[in-house]
């Protein structure tokens, strides 16, 4: 599946992934990329985004499980490069869970203590 096979013209994250809208990328893999969140919720807040458009994490898991695994591998590598001693990896799936951009993306959060339960 090519990175342009599932592209939506009206999707901001699709445009980032294709380079239509240039953004500073921390990581650029064939099937996903990583950028810093513009509204960080922790000292380190990175978004790991598949290049093929999937609305949410469930769609990535069903349609691109290899990409889902690669995104978590990248999260681990990025956490190391950011010198995080711990981190939280979160997908918000659906509006009621806080998803506001309906192109799947993994939040990598770190650099502070987190509480449990979240939210």
PDB file of N, CA and C in Angstrom:
ATOM      1  N   UNK A   1       0.849  -1.178   0.000  1.00  0.00           N
ATOM      2  CA  UNK A   1       0.000   0.000   0.000  1.00  0.00           C
ATOM      3  C   UNK A   1       0.892   1.237   0.000  1.00  0.00           C
ATOM      4  N   UNK A   2       0.772   2.067  -0.981  1.00  0.00           N
ATOM      5  CA  UNK A   2       1.594   3.265  -1.056  1.00  0.00           C
ATOM      6  C   UNK A   2       1.046   4.335  -0.116  1.00  0.00           C
ATOM      7  N   UNK A   3       1.910   5.293   0.210  1.00  0.00           N
ATOM      8  CA  UNK A   3       1.511   6.362   1.129  1.00  0.00           C
ATOM      9  C   UNK A   3       0.449   7.273   0.535  1.00  0.00           C
ATOM     10  N   UNK A   4       0.245   7.219  -0.778  1.00  0.00           N
ATOM     11  CA  UNK A   4      -0.786   8.066  -1.384  1.00  0.00           C
ATOM     12  C   UNK A   4      -2.070   7.293  -1.653  1.00  0.00           C
ATOM     13  N   UNK A   5      -2.097   5.998  -1.359  1.00  0.00           N
ATOM     14  CA  UNK A   5      -3.278   5.188  -1.654  1.00  0.00           C
ATOM     15  C   UNK A   5      -4.498   5.658  -0.866  1.00  0.00           C
ATOM     16  N   UNK A   6      -4.285   6.058   0.369  1.00  0.00           N
ATOM     17  CA  UNK A   6      -5.381   6.539   1.205  1.00  0.00           C
ATOM     18  C   UNK A   6      -5.057   7.960   1.651  1.00  0.00           C
ATOM     19  N   UNK A   7      -5.250   8.897   0.741  1.00  0.00           N
ATOM     20  CA  UNK A   7      -4.972  10.307   0.972  1.00  0.00           C
ATOM     21  C   UNK A   7      -6.280  11.078   0.841  1.00  0.00           C
ATOM     22  N   UNK A   8      -6.523  11.995   1.773  1.00  0.00           N
ATOM     23  CA  UNK A   8      -7.718  12.835   1.677  1.00  0.00           C
ATOM     24  C   UNK A   8      -7.289  14.281   1.486  1.00  0.00           C
ATOM     25  N   UNK A   9      -7.811  14.908   0.438  1.00  0.00           N
ATOM     26  CA  UNK A   9      -7.444  16.283   0.100  1.00  0.00           C
ATOM     27  C   UNK A   9      -7.732  17.281   1.216  1.00  0.00           C
ATOM     28  N   UNK A  10      -8.748  17.022   2.036  1.00  0.00           N
ATOM     29  CA  UNK A  10      -9.135  17.965   3.080  1.00  0.00           C
ATOM     30  C   UNK A  10      -8.525  17.636   4.446  1.00  0.00           C
ATOM     31  N   UNK A  11      -7.563  16.710   4.496  1.00  0.00           N
ATOM     32  CA  UNK A  11      -6.975  16.279   5.769  1.00  0.00           C
ATOM     33  C   UNK A  11      -5.614  16.941   5.987  1.00  0.00           C
ATOM     34  N   UNK A  12      -5.502  17.690   7.069  1.00  0.00           N
ATOM     35  CA  UNK A  12      -4.263  18.378   7.409  1.00  0.00           C
ATOM     36  C   UNK A  12      -3.103  17.401   7.569  1.00  0.00           C
ATOM     37  N   UNK A  13      -3.321  16.291   8.285  1.00  0.00           N
ATOM     38  CA  UNK A  13      -2.233  15.333   8.514  1.00  0.00           C
ATOM     39  C   UNK A  13      -1.808  14.640   7.221  1.00  0.00           C
ATOM     40  N   UNK A  14      -2.742  14.397   6.303  1.00  0.00           N
ATOM     41  CA  UNK A  14      -2.377  13.850   4.989  1.00  0.00           C
ATOM     42  C   UNK A  14      -1.451  14.823   4.266  1.00  0.00           C
ATOM     43  N   UNK A  15      -1.777  16.105   4.332  1.00  0.00           N
ATOM     44  CA  UNK A  15      -0.958  17.128   3.670  1.00  0.00           C
ATOM     45  C   UNK A  15       0.420  17.227   4.299  1.00  0.00           C
ATOM     46  N   UNK A  16       0.516  17.072   5.626  1.00  0.00           N
ATOM     47  CA  UNK A  16       1.821  17.045   6.283  1.00  0.00           C
ATOM     48  C   UNK A  16       2.633  15.846   5.779  1.00  0.00           C
ATOM     49  N   UNK A  17       2.004  14.690   5.754  1.00  0.00           N
ATOM     50  CA  UNK A  17       2.690  13.459   5.368  1.00  0.00           C
ATOM     51  C   UNK A  17       3.193  13.481   3.942  1.00  0.00           C
ATOM     52  N   UNK A  18       2.448  14.114   3.046  1.00  0.00           N
ATOM     53  CA  UNK A  18       2.832  14.180   1.639  1.00  0.00           C
ATOM     54  C   UNK A  18       3.761  15.350   1.336  1.00  0.00           C
ATOM     55  N   UNK A  19       4.012  16.215   2.323  1.00  0.00           N
ATOM     56  CA  UNK A  19       4.876  17.362   2.103  1.00  0.00           C
ATOM     57  C   UNK A  19       4.182  18.524   1.415  1.00  0.00           C
ATOM     58  N   UNK A  20       2.866  18.447   1.254  1.00  0.00           N
ATOM     59  CA  UNK A  20       2.104  19.546   0.645  1.00  0.00           C
ATOM     60  C   UNK A  20       2.158  20.766   1.561  1.00  0.00           C
ATOM     61  N   UNK A  21       2.054  20.516   2.855  1.00  0.00           N
ATOM     62  CA  UNK A  21       2.275  21.544   3.867  1.00  0.00           C
ATOM     63  C   UNK A  21       3.540  21.129   4.615  1.00  0.00           C
ATOM     64  N   UNK A  22       4.632  21.861   4.432  1.00  0.00           N
ATOM     65  CA  UNK A  22       5.875  21.473   5.102  1.00  0.00           C
ATOM     66  C   UNK A  22       5.793  21.704   6.611  1.00  0.00           C
ATOM     67  N   UNK A  23       6.261  20.718   7.356  1.00  0.00           N
ATOM     68  CA  UNK A  23       6.356  20.814   8.813  1.00  0.00           C
ATOM     69  C   UNK A  23       7.694  20.208   9.229  1.00  0.00           C
ATOM     70  N   UNK A  24       8.269  20.701  10.325  1.00  0.00           N
ATOM     71  CA  UNK A  24       9.511  20.083  10.806  1.00  0.00           C
ATOM     72  C   UNK A  24       9.212  18.681  11.343  1.00  0.00           C
ATOM     73  N   UNK A  25       9.804  17.697  10.734  1.00  0.00           N
ATOM     74  CA  UNK A  25       9.583  16.305  11.138  1.00  0.00           C
ATOM     75  C   UNK A  25      10.744  15.822  11.998  1.00  0.00           C
ATOM     76  N   UNK A  26      10.414  15.181  13.096  1.00  0.00           N
ATOM     77  CA  UNK A  26      11.421  14.566  13.954  1.00  0.00           C
ATOM     78  C   UNK A  26      11.845  13.215  13.397  1.00  0.00           C
ATOM     79  N   UNK A  27      10.958  12.641  12.598  1.00  0.00           N
ATOM     80  CA  UNK A  27      11.151  11.307  12.049  1.00  0.00           C
ATOM     81  C   UNK A  27      10.320  11.240  10.776  1.00  0.00           C
ATOM     82  N   UNK A  28      10.862  10.624   9.739  1.00  0.00           N
ATOM     83  CA  UNK A  28      10.117  10.467   8.492  1.00  0.00           C
ATOM     84  C   UNK A  28      10.406   9.080   7.930  1.00  0.00           C
ATOM     85  N   UNK A  29       9.508   8.162   8.205  1.00  0.00           N
ATOM     86  CA  UNK A  29       9.622   6.788   7.741  1.00  0.00           C
ATOM     87  C   UNK A  29       8.734   6.615   6.513  1.00  0.00           C
ATOM     88  N   UNK A  30       8.890   5.527   5.763  1.00  0.00           N
ATOM     89  CA  UNK A  30       8.055   5.334   4.569  1.00  0.00           C
ATOM     90  C   UNK A  30       6.552   5.334   4.855  1.00  0.00           C
ATOM     91  N   UNK A  31       6.140   4.851   6.044  1.00  0.00           N
ATOM     92  CA  UNK A  31       4.707   4.708   6.319  1.00  0.00           C
ATOM     93  C   UNK A  31       4.184   5.588   7.444  1.00  0.00           C
ATOM     94  N   UNK A  32       5.053   6.339   8.105  1.00  0.00           N
ATOM     95  CA  UNK A  32       4.628   7.234   9.177  1.00  0.00           C
ATOM     96  C   UNK A  32       5.689   8.298   9.418  1.00  0.00           C
ATOM     97  N   UNK A  33       5.296   9.337  10.156  1.00  0.00           N
ATOM     98  CA  UNK A  33       6.219  10.421  10.483  1.00  0.00           C
ATOM     99  C   UNK A  33       5.887  10.941  11.870  1.00  0.00           C
ATOM    100  N   UNK A  34       6.762  11.769  12.421  1.00  0.00           N
ATOM    101  CA  UNK A  34       6.547  12.322  13.759  1.00  0.00           C
ATOM    102  C   UNK A  34       6.835  13.816  13.754  1.00  0.00           C
ATOM    103  N   UNK A  35       5.975  14.551  14.468  1.00  0.00           N
ATOM    104  CA  UNK A  35       6.121  15.996  14.628  1.00  0.00           C
ATOM    105  C   UNK A  35       5.828  16.352  16.085  1.00  0.00           C
ATOM    106  N   UNK A  36       6.254  17.527  16.487  1.00  0.00           N
ATOM    107  CA  UNK A  36       5.887  18.020  17.821  1.00  0.00           C
ATOM    108  C   UNK A  36       4.458  18.559  17.784  1.00  0.00           C
ATOM    109  N   UNK A  37       3.719  18.314  18.852  1.00  0.00           N
ATOM    110  CA  UNK A  37       2.348  18.818  18.955  1.00  0.00           C
ATOM    111  C   UNK A  37       2.386  20.335  19.125  1.00  0.00           C
ATOM    112  N   UNK A  38       1.495  21.050  18.439  1.00  0.00           N
ATOM    113  CA  UNK A  38       1.480  22.513  18.541  1.00  0.00           C
ATOM    114  C   UNK A  38       0.817  23.001  19.833  1.00  0.00           C
ATOM    115  N   UNK A  39       0.135  22.106  20.545  1.00  0.00           N
ATOM    116  CA  UNK A  39      -0.490  22.438  21.827  1.00  0.00           C
ATOM    117  C   UNK A  39      -0.059  21.385  22.851  1.00  0.00           C
ATOM    118  N   UNK A  40       1.226  21.394  23.246  1.00  0.00           N
ATOM    119  CA  UNK A  40       1.746  20.314  24.089  1.00  0.00           C
ATOM    120  C   UNK A  40       1.073  20.223  25.456  1.00  0.00           C
ATOM    121  N   UNK A  41       0.803  18.980  25.850  1.00  0.00           N
ATOM    122  CA  UNK A  41       0.195  18.690  27.145  1.00  0.00           C
ATOM    123  C   UNK A  41       1.216  18.156  28.144  1.00  0.00           C
ATOM    124  N   UNK A  42       2.482  18.131  27.738  1.00  0.00           N
ATOM    125  CA  UNK A  42       3.594  17.695  28.583  1.00  0.00           C
ATOM    126  C   UNK A  42       4.851  18.327  27.997  1.00  0.00           C
ATOM    127  N   UNK A  43       5.948  18.370  28.764  1.00  0.00           N
ATOM    128  CA  UNK A  43       7.180  18.944  28.213  1.00  0.00           C
ATOM    129  C   UNK A  43       7.601  18.307  26.881  1.00  0.00           C
ATOM    130  N   UNK A  44       7.409  17.015  26.754  1.00  0.00           N
ATOM    131  CA  UNK A  44       7.595  16.337  25.472  1.00  0.00           C
ATOM    132  C   UNK A  44       6.232  15.855  25.013  1.00  0.00           C
ATOM    133  N   UNK A  45       5.795  16.319  23.847  1.00  0.00           N
ATOM    134  CA  UNK A  45       4.515  15.889  23.277  1.00  0.00           C
ATOM    135  C   UNK A  45       4.718  15.788  21.769  1.00  0.00           C
ATOM    136  N   UNK A  46       4.855  14.563  21.310  1.00  0.00           N
ATOM    137  CA  UNK A  46       5.134  14.258  19.911  1.00  0.00           C
ATOM    138  C   UNK A  46       3.960  13.480  19.340  1.00  0.00           C
ATOM    139  N   UNK A  47       3.595  13.782  18.107  1.00  0.00           N
ATOM    140  CA  UNK A  47       2.562  13.033  17.393  1.00  0.00           C
ATOM    141  C   UNK A  47       3.235  12.125  16.378  1.00  0.00           C
ATOM    142  N   UNK A  48       2.857  10.865  16.374  1.00  0.00           N
ATOM    143  CA  UNK A  48       3.351   9.890  15.409  1.00  0.00           C
ATOM    144  C   UNK A  48       2.158   9.542  14.528  1.00  0.00           C
ATOM    145  N   UNK A  49       2.297   9.811  13.229  1.00  0.00           N
ATOM    146  CA  UNK A  49       1.148   9.851  12.326  1.00  0.00           C
ATOM    147  C   UNK A  49       1.374   8.936  11.126  1.00  0.00           C
ATOM    148  N   UNK A  50       0.442   8.019  10.841  1.00  0.00           N
ATOM    149  CA  UNK A  50       0.579   7.205   9.621  1.00  0.00           C
ATOM    150  C   UNK A  50       0.368   8.075   8.381  1.00  0.00           C
ATOM    151  N   UNK A  51       1.089   7.776   7.316  1.00  0.00           N
ATOM    152  CA  UNK A  51       0.946   8.559   6.083  1.00  0.00           C
ATOM    153  C   UNK A  51      -0.344   8.217   5.344  1.00  0.00           C
ATOM    154  N   UNK A  52      -0.780   6.973   5.401  1.00  0.00           N
ATOM    155  CA  UNK A  52      -2.059   6.604   4.807  1.00  0.00           C
ATOM    156  C   UNK A  52      -3.168   7.055   5.742  1.00  0.00           C
ATOM    157  N   UNK A  53      -4.212   7.598   5.164  1.00  0.00           N
ATOM    158  CA  UNK A  53      -5.307   8.106   5.980  1.00  0.00           C
ATOM    159  C   UNK A  53      -6.123   6.964   6.580  1.00  0.00           C
ATOM    160  N   UNK A  54      -6.194   6.959   7.887  1.00  0.00           N
ATOM    161  CA  UNK A  54      -7.107   6.120   8.662  1.00  0.00           C
ATOM    162  C   UNK A  54      -7.724   7.057   9.689  1.00  0.00           C
ATOM    163  N   UNK A  55      -9.019   6.954   9.891  1.00  0.00           N
ATOM    164  CA  UNK A  55      -9.693   7.890  10.779  1.00  0.00           C
ATOM    165  C   UNK A  55      -9.232   7.761  12.228  1.00  0.00           C
ATOM    166  N   UNK A  56      -8.941   6.535  12.671  1.00  0.00           N
ATOM    167  CA  UNK A  56      -8.596   6.339  14.071  1.00  0.00           C
ATOM    168  C   UNK A  56      -7.709   5.104  14.245  1.00  0.00           C
ATOM    169  N   UNK A  57      -7.308   4.863  15.477  1.00  0.00           N
ATOM    170  CA  UNK A  57      -6.399   3.757  15.773  1.00  0.00           C
ATOM    171  C   UNK A  57      -6.992   2.403  15.424  1.00  0.00           C
ATOM    172  N   UNK A  58      -8.300   2.255  15.592  1.00  0.00           N
ATOM    173  CA  UNK A  58      -8.939   0.976  15.258  1.00  0.00           C
ATOM    174  C   UNK A  58      -8.770   0.664  13.774  1.00  0.00           C
ATOM    175  N   UNK A  59      -8.932   1.674  12.914  1.00  0.00           N
ATOM    176  CA  UNK A  59      -8.747   1.462  11.478  1.00  0.00           C
ATOM    177  C   UNK A  59      -7.298   1.101  11.152  1.00  0.00           C
ATOM    178  N   UNK A  60      -6.341   1.730  11.836  1.00  0.00           N
ATOM    179  CA  UNK A  60      -4.936   1.387  11.607  1.00  0.00           C
ATOM    180  C   UNK A  60      -4.701  -0.069  12.010  1.00  0.00           C
ATOM    181  N   UNK A  61      -5.221  -0.459  13.167  1.00  0.00           N
ATOM    182  CA  UNK A  61      -5.024  -1.827  13.654  1.00  0.00           C
ATOM    183  C   UNK A  61      -5.615  -2.859  12.697  1.00  0.00           C
ATOM    184  N   UNK A  62      -6.770  -2.567  12.134  1.00  0.00           N
ATOM    185  CA  UNK A  62      -7.435  -3.506  11.230  1.00  0.00           C
ATOM    186  C   UNK A  62      -6.769  -3.522   9.847  1.00  0.00           C
ATOM    187  N   UNK A  63      -6.489  -2.331   9.308  1.00  0.00           N
ATOM    188  CA  UNK A  63      -6.031  -2.225   7.928  1.00  0.00           C
ATOM    189  C   UNK A  63      -4.515  -2.194   7.750  1.00  0.00           C
ATOM    190  N   UNK A  64      -3.794  -1.772   8.779  1.00  0.00           N
ATOM    191  CA  UNK A  64      -2.345  -1.615   8.661  1.00  0.00           C
ATOM    192  C   UNK A  64      -1.637  -2.016   9.961  1.00  0.00           C
ATOM    193  N   UNK A  65      -1.815  -3.244  10.422  1.00  0.00           N
ATOM    194  CA  UNK A  65      -1.217  -3.613  11.713  1.00  0.00           C
ATOM    195  C   UNK A  65       0.300  -3.462  11.739  1.00  0.00           C
ATOM    196  N   UNK A  66       0.961  -3.636  10.600  1.00  0.00           N
ATOM    197  CA  UNK A  66       2.413  -3.449  10.552  1.00  0.00           C
ATOM    198  C   UNK A  66       2.779  -1.988  10.793  1.00  0.00           C
ATOM    199  N   UNK A  67       1.964  -1.061  10.313  1.00  0.00           N
ATOM    200  CA  UNK A  67       2.207   0.362  10.542  1.00  0.00           C
ATOM    201  C   UNK A  67       1.991   0.688  12.016  1.00  0.00           C
ATOM    202  N   UNK A  68       0.978   0.115  12.609  1.00  0.00           N
ATOM    203  CA  UNK A  68       0.715   0.333  14.031  1.00  0.00           C
ATOM    204  C   UNK A  68       1.922  -0.102  14.861  1.00  0.00           C
ATOM    205  N   UNK A  69       2.459  -1.273  14.563  1.00  0.00           N
ATOM    206  CA  UNK A  69       3.644  -1.759  15.277  1.00  0.00           C
ATOM    207  C   UNK A  69       4.829  -0.828  15.056  1.00  0.00           C
ATOM    208  N   UNK A  70       5.016  -0.367  13.822  1.00  0.00           N
ATOM    209  CA  UNK A  70       6.131   0.534  13.512  1.00  0.00           C
ATOM    210  C   UNK A  70       5.996   1.860  14.257  1.00  0.00           C
ATOM    211  N   UNK A  71       4.769   2.333  14.423  1.00  0.00           N
ATOM    212  CA  UNK A  71       4.552   3.578  15.155  1.00  0.00           C
ATOM    213  C   UNK A  71       4.976   3.437  16.615  1.00  0.00           C
ATOM    214  N   UNK A  72       4.673   2.299  17.231  1.00  0.00           N
ATOM    215  CA  UNK A  72       5.091   2.081  18.615  1.00  0.00           C
ATOM    216  C   UNK A  72       6.604   1.905  18.718  1.00  0.00           C
ATOM    217  N   UNK A  73       7.217   1.282  17.722  1.00  0.00           N
ATOM    218  CA  UNK A  73       8.675   1.174  17.701  1.00  0.00           C
ATOM    219  C   UNK A  73       9.292   2.570  17.618  1.00  0.00           C
ATOM    220  N   UNK A  74       8.731   3.421  16.772  1.00  0.00           N
ATOM    221  CA  UNK A  74       9.219   4.793  16.663  1.00  0.00           C
ATOM    222  C   UNK A  74       9.010   5.561  17.967  1.00  0.00           C
ATOM    223  N   UNK A  75       7.894   5.322  18.641  1.00  0.00           N
ATOM    224  CA  UNK A  75       7.657   5.978  19.934  1.00  0.00           C
ATOM    225  C   UNK A  75       8.779   5.641  20.910  1.00  0.00           C
ATOM    226  N   UNK A  76       9.165   4.393  20.955  1.00  0.00           N
ATOM    227  CA  UNK A  76      10.244   3.968  21.838  1.00  0.00           C
ATOM    228  C   UNK A  76      11.562   4.649  21.456  1.00  0.00           C
ATOM    229  N   UNK A  77      11.862   4.695  20.170  1.00  0.00           N
ATOM    230  CA  UNK A  77      13.101   5.353  19.709  1.00  0.00           C
ATOM    231  C   UNK A  77      13.084   6.848  20.022  1.00  0.00           C
ATOM    232  N   UNK A  78      11.956   7.492  19.770  1.00  0.00           N
ATOM    233  CA  UNK A  78      11.857   8.921  20.054  1.00  0.00           C
ATOM    234  C   UNK A  78      11.969   9.202  21.550  1.00  0.00           C
ATOM    235  N   UNK A  79      11.376   8.352  22.373  1.00  0.00           N
ATOM    236  CA  UNK A  79      11.493   8.520  23.824  1.00  0.00           C
ATOM    237  C   UNK A  79      12.954   8.447  24.244  1.00  0.00           C
ATOM    238  N   UNK A  80      13.694   7.549  23.640  1.00  0.00           N
ATOM    239  CA  UNK A  80      15.129   7.456  23.928  1.00  0.00           C
ATOM    240  C   UNK A  80      15.876   8.698  23.478  1.00  0.00           C
ATOM    241  N   UNK A  81      15.579   9.179  22.286  1.00  0.00           N
ATOM    242  CA  UNK A  81      16.274  10.363  21.776  1.00  0.00           C
ATOM    243  C   UNK A  81      15.909  11.621  22.561  1.00  0.00           C
ATOM    244  N   UNK A  82      14.748  11.616  23.213  1.00  0.00           N
ATOM    245  CA  UNK A  82      14.315  12.738  24.055  1.00  0.00           C
ATOM    246  C   UNK A  82      14.756  12.553  25.512  1.00  0.00           C
ATOM    247  N   UNK A  83      15.484  11.463  25.790  1.00  0.00           N
ATOM    248  CA  UNK A  83      15.986  11.135  27.138  1.00  0.00           C
ATOM    249  C   UNK A  83      14.871  11.027  28.169  1.00  0.00           C
ATOM    250  N   UNK A  84      13.741  10.449  27.756  1.00  0.00           N
ATOM    251  CA  UNK A  84      12.627  10.256  28.685  1.00  0.00           C
ATOM    252  C   UNK A  84      12.874   9.009  29.523  1.00  0.00           C
ATOM    253  N   UNK A  85      12.664   9.117  30.827  1.00  0.00           N
ATOM    254  CA  UNK A  85      12.815   7.938  31.688  1.00  0.00           C
ATOM    255  C   UNK A  85      11.511   7.148  31.792  1.00  0.00           C
ATOM    256  N   UNK A  86      10.472   7.685  31.220  1.00  0.00           N
ATOM    257  CA  UNK A  86       9.175   7.041  31.125  1.00  0.00           C
ATOM    258  C   UNK A  86       8.321   7.875  30.195  1.00  0.00           C
ATOM    259  N   UNK A  87       7.291   7.272  29.646  1.00  0.00           N
ATOM    260  CA  UNK A  87       6.427   8.013  28.734  1.00  0.00           C
ATOM    261  C   UNK A  87       5.064   7.371  28.674  1.00  0.00           C
ATOM    262  N   UNK A  88       4.123   8.117  28.145  1.00  0.00           N
ATOM    263  CA  UNK A  88       2.781   7.616  27.903  1.00  0.00           C
ATOM    264  C   UNK A  88       2.530   7.687  26.402  1.00  0.00           C
ATOM    265  N   UNK A  89       1.986   6.610  25.839  1.00  0.00           N
ATOM    266  CA  UNK A  89       1.614   6.552  24.421  1.00  0.00           C
ATOM    267  C   UNK A  89       0.101   6.398  24.362  1.00  0.00           C
ATOM    268  N   UNK A  90      -0.573   7.350  23.696  1.00  0.00           N
ATOM    269  CA  UNK A  90      -2.033   7.411  23.739  1.00  0.00           C
ATOM    270  C   UNK A  90      -2.618   7.634  22.352  1.00  0.00           C
ATOM    271  N   UNK A  91      -3.644   6.853  22.031  1.00  0.00           N
ATOM    272  CA  UNK A  91      -4.509   7.132  20.887  1.00  0.00           C
ATOM    273  C   UNK A  91      -5.850   7.578  21.451  1.00  0.00           C
ATOM    274  N   UNK A  92      -6.364   8.712  21.012  1.00  0.00           N
ATOM    275  CA  UNK A  92      -7.733   9.106  21.306  1.00  0.00           C
ATOM    276  C   UNK A  92      -8.564   8.643  20.116  1.00  0.00           C
ATOM    277  N   UNK A  93      -9.522   7.771  20.359  1.00  0.00           N
ATOM    278  CA  UNK A  93     -10.322   7.202  19.277  1.00  0.00           C
ATOM    279  C   UNK A  93     -11.781   7.587  19.476  1.00  0.00           C
ATOM    280  N   UNK A  94     -12.236   8.536  18.647  1.00  0.00           N
ATOM    281  CA  UNK A  94     -13.601   9.030  18.736  1.00  0.00           C
ATOM    282  C   UNK A  94     -13.671  10.343  19.495  1.00  0.00           C
ATOM    283  N   UNK A  95     -14.645  11.152  19.134  1.00  0.00           N
ATOM    284  CA  UNK A  95     -14.799  12.473  19.737  1.00  0.00           C
ATOM    285  C   UNK A  95     -14.990  12.397  21.253  1.00  0.00           C
ATOM    286  N   UNK A  96     -15.731  11.406  21.732  1.00  0.00           N
ATOM    287  CA  UNK A  96     -15.976  11.314  23.175  1.00  0.00           C
ATOM    288  C   UNK A  96     -14.710  10.957  23.952  1.00  0.00           C
ATOM    289  N   UNK A  97     -13.684  10.453  23.261  1.00  0.00           N
ATOM    290  CA  UNK A  97     -12.406  10.148  23.896  1.00  0.00           C
ATOM    291  C   UNK A  97     -11.406  11.287  23.730  1.00  0.00           C
ATOM    292  N   UNK A  98     -11.834  12.383  23.097  1.00  0.00           N
ATOM    293  CA  UNK A  98     -10.969  13.539  22.939  1.00  0.00           C
ATOM    294  C   UNK A  98     -10.302  13.661  21.579  1.00  0.00           C
ATOM    295  N   UNK A  99     -10.640  12.787  20.626  1.00  0.00           N
ATOM    296  CA  UNK A  99     -10.047  12.907  19.298  1.00  0.00           C
ATOM    297  C   UNK A  99     -10.611  14.152  18.618  1.00  0.00           C
ATOM    298  N   UNK A 100      -9.722  15.026  18.153  1.00  0.00           N
ATOM    299  CA  UNK A 100     -10.159  16.262  17.500  1.00  0.00           C
ATOM    300  C   UNK A 100      -9.714  16.333  16.040  1.00  0.00           C
ATOM    301  N   UNK A 101      -8.701  15.581  15.671  1.00  0.00           N
ATOM    302  CA  UNK A 101      -8.270  15.462  14.278  1.00  0.00           C
ATOM    303  C   UNK A 101      -8.550  14.017  13.882  1.00  0.00           C
ATOM    304  N   UNK A 102      -9.377  13.831  12.876  1.00  0.00           N
ATOM    305  CA  UNK A 102      -9.828  12.485  12.531  1.00  0.00           C
ATOM    306  C   UNK A 102      -8.956  11.851  11.448  1.00  0.00           C
ATOM    307  N   UNK A 103      -7.665  11.866  11.740  1.00  0.00           N
ATOM    308  CA  UNK A 103      -6.623  11.093  11.059  1.00  0.00           C
ATOM    309  C   UNK A 103      -5.843  10.518  12.231  1.00  0.00           C
ATOM    310  N   UNK A 104      -5.752   9.208  12.305  1.00  0.00           N
ATOM    311  CA  UNK A 104      -5.128   8.551  13.453  1.00  0.00           C
ATOM    312  C   UNK A 104      -3.766   9.166  13.771  1.00  0.00           C
ATOM    313  N   UNK A 105      -3.470   9.284  15.049  1.00  0.00           N
ATOM    314  CA  UNK A 105      -2.159   9.749  15.485  1.00  0.00           C
ATOM    315  C   UNK A 105      -1.924   9.295  16.927  1.00  0.00           C
ATOM    316  N   UNK A 106      -0.700   8.883  17.165  1.00  0.00           N
ATOM    317  CA  UNK A 106      -0.276   8.413  18.477  1.00  0.00           C
ATOM    318  C   UNK A 106       0.404   9.562  19.205  1.00  0.00           C
ATOM    319  N   UNK A 107      -0.080   9.882  20.392  1.00  0.00           N
ATOM    320  CA  UNK A 107       0.540  10.911  21.221  1.00  0.00           C
ATOM    321  C   UNK A 107       1.629  10.257  22.065  1.00  0.00           C
ATOM    322  N   UNK A 108       2.835  10.776  21.986  1.00  0.00           N
ATOM    323  CA  UNK A 108       3.941  10.374  22.854  1.00  0.00           C
ATOM    324  C   UNK A 108       4.151  11.520  23.830  1.00  0.00           C
ATOM    325  N   UNK A 109       3.882  11.258  25.109  1.00  0.00           N
ATOM    326  CA  UNK A 109       3.940  12.284  26.149  1.00  0.00           C
ATOM    327  C   UNK A 109       4.973  11.895  27.196  1.00  0.00           C
ATOM    328  N   UNK A 110       5.763  12.849  27.630  1.00  0.00           N
ATOM    329  CA  UNK A 110       6.749  12.562  28.670  1.00  0.00           C
ATOM    330  C   UNK A 110       7.341  13.836  29.233  1.00  0.00           C
ATOM    331  N   UNK A 111       8.277  13.651  30.151  1.00  0.00           N
ATOM    332  CA  UNK A 111       8.959  14.792  30.752  1.00  0.00           C
ATOM    333  C   UNK A 111       8.317  15.316  32.015  1.00  0.00           C
ATOM    334  N   UNK A 112       7.279  14.641  32.476  1.00  0.00           N
ATOM    335  CA  UNK A 112       6.635  14.979  33.749  1.00  0.00           C
ATOM    336  C   UNK A 112       5.949  13.739  34.282  1.00  0.00           C
ATOM    337  N   UNK A 113       5.547  13.782  35.539  1.00  0.00           N
ATOM    338  CA  UNK A 113       4.800  12.665  36.129  1.00  0.00           C
ATOM    339  C   UNK A 113       3.352  12.714  35.665  1.00  0.00           C
ATOM    340  N   UNK A 114       2.776  11.543  35.505  1.00  0.00           N
ATOM    341  CA  UNK A 114       1.378  11.437  35.099  1.00  0.00           C
ATOM    342  C   UNK A 114       0.588  10.758  36.220  1.00  0.00           C
ATOM    343  N   UNK A 115      -0.679  11.054  36.273  1.00  0.00           N
ATOM    344  CA  UNK A 115      -1.576  10.486  37.275  1.00  0.00           C
ATOM    345  C   UNK A 115      -2.329   9.308  36.677  1.00  0.00           C
ATOM    346  N   UNK A 116      -2.840   8.437  37.547  1.00  0.00           N
ATOM    347  CA  UNK A 116      -3.695   7.340  37.119  1.00  0.00           C
ATOM    348  C   UNK A 116      -4.921   7.338  38.008  1.00  0.00           C
ATOM    349  N   UNK A 117      -6.093   7.199  37.503  1.00  0.00           N
ATOM    350  CA  UNK A 117      -6.406   7.026  36.089  1.00  0.00           C
ATOM    351  C   UNK A 117      -6.298   8.340  35.330  1.00  0.00           C
ATOM    352  N   UNK A 118      -6.026   8.242  34.019  1.00  0.00           N
ATOM    353  CA  UNK A 118      -5.950   9.459  33.220  1.00  0.00           C
ATOM    354  C   UNK A 118      -7.327  10.039  32.991  1.00  0.00           C
ATOM    355  N   UNK A 119      -7.372  11.314  32.627  1.00  0.00           N
ATOM    356  CA  UNK A 119      -8.608  11.991  32.244  1.00  0.00           C
ATOM    357  C   UNK A 119      -9.642  11.947  33.299  1.00  0.00           C
TER     358      UNK A 119
END
